[in-house]
Protein backbone atom coordinates (compact mmCIF):
# COMPACT_ATOMS: atom_id res chain seq x y z
CA MET A 1 0.00 0.00 0.00
CA ASP A 2 2.94 2.36 0.60
CA ASP A 3 3.88 2.14 -3.09
CA TYR A 4 0.31 3.09 -4.00
CA ARG A 5 0.36 6.05 -1.59
CA GLN A 6 3.59 7.25 -3.14
CA LYS A 7 2.11 6.95 -6.64
CA VAL A 8 -0.99 8.88 -5.56
CA GLU A 9 1.11 11.69 -4.06
CA GLU A 10 2.50 12.32 -7.55
CA MET A 11 -0.99 12.61 -9.09
CA SER A 12 -2.72 15.88 -9.89
CA PHE A 13 -6.13 16.59 -8.43
CA GLU A 14 -7.81 15.72 -11.73
CA GLU A 15 -5.92 12.43 -12.07
CA SER A 16 -6.83 11.52 -8.50
CA MET A 17 -10.51 12.29 -9.04
CA ASP A 18 -10.59 10.20 -12.23
CA ALA A 19 -8.94 7.28 -10.45
CA LEU A 20 -11.32 7.63 -7.50
CA GLU A 21 -14.35 7.64 -9.80
CA ASP A 22 -13.07 4.47 -11.49
CA LEU A 23 -12.67 2.72 -8.14
CA VAL A 24 -16.14 3.77 -6.99
CA ARG A 25 -17.59 2.42 -10.25
CA ARG A 26 -15.84 -0.92 -9.64
CA LEU A 27 -17.30 -1.13 -6.16
CA GLU A 28 -20.78 -0.15 -7.30
CA ASP A 29 -20.76 -2.58 -10.22
CA GLY A 30 -20.01 -5.48 -7.90
CA GLY A 31 -18.76 -8.73 -9.30
CA ILE A 32 -15.50 -8.60 -7.35
CA GLY A 33 -14.68 -10.65 -4.30
CA LEU A 34 -14.41 -9.43 -0.73
CA ASP A 35 -10.60 -9.25 -0.70
CA GLU A 36 -10.54 -7.26 -3.94
CA SER A 37 -13.35 -5.01 -2.68
CA LEU A 38 -11.35 -4.23 0.46
CA ARG A 39 -8.23 -3.47 -1.59
CA VAL A 40 -10.20 -1.17 -3.89
CA TYR A 41 -11.81 0.55 -0.89
CA GLU A 42 -8.39 1.14 0.71
CA GLN A 43 -7.13 2.69 -2.52
CA ALA A 44 -10.23 4.89 -2.70
CA VAL A 45 -9.58 6.18 0.82
CA VAL A 46 -5.99 7.07 -0.13
CA LEU A 47 -7.23 8.95 -3.19
CA ARG A 48 -9.97 10.73 -1.21
CA ASP A 49 -7.44 11.88 1.39
CA HIS A 50 -5.09 13.11 -1.35
CA CYS A 51 -7.87 15.11 -3.02
CA ARG A 52 -8.93 16.57 0.32
CA SER A 53 -5.33 17.60 1.04
CA ILE A 54 -5.02 19.34 -2.33
CA LEU A 55 -8.28 21.23 -1.75
CA GLU A 56 -7.27 22.27 1.76
CA ASP A 57 -3.93 23.51 0.43
CA GLY A 58 -5.76 25.49 -2.24
CA GLU A 59 -8.00 27.05 0.38
CA ARG A 60 -4.96 28.06 2.46
CA ARG A 61 -3.37 29.62 -0.61
CA ILE A 62 -6.55 31.57 -1.40
CA ARG A 63 -6.76 32.85 2.18
CA LYS A 64 -3.14 34.00 1.98
CA ILE A 65 -3.79 35.83 -1.29
CA MET A 66 -6.76 37.58 0.27
CA GLU A 67 -4.62 39.05 3.07
CA THR A 68 -4.67 42.82 3.10
CA ALA A 69 -2.74 45.49 4.90
CA ASP A 70 -5.64 45.74 7.35
CA GLY A 71 -5.43 42.07 8.27
CA VAL A 72 -7.02 38.99 6.84
CA LYS A 73 -10.16 39.31 4.77
CA GLU A 74 -11.99 35.99 5.10
CA GLU A 75 -14.83 35.16 2.76
CA ASP A 76 -16.66 31.99 2.00
CA ILE A 77 -15.17 30.37 -1.07
CA THR A 78 -17.30 28.15 -3.23
CA LEU A 79 -15.30 25.64 -5.26
CA GLU A 80 -17.22 24.02 -8.06
């Protein structure tokens, strides 16, 4: 699993989302055994965490950009 985590860390957000969607489809389609389902689920969790980390980093960067001389201007940011 450590090799997979390392591979995921090198992925862009878009690549990670595509891979995550593929794994979810595999789980939803069924037809795979319990052991394979667990492996796929573990990979999906790694991808989810990677995507979440990228989004949180983006939010931090946006907040930093929005800093002004008067302090920090915080606004709700809607990412679509």
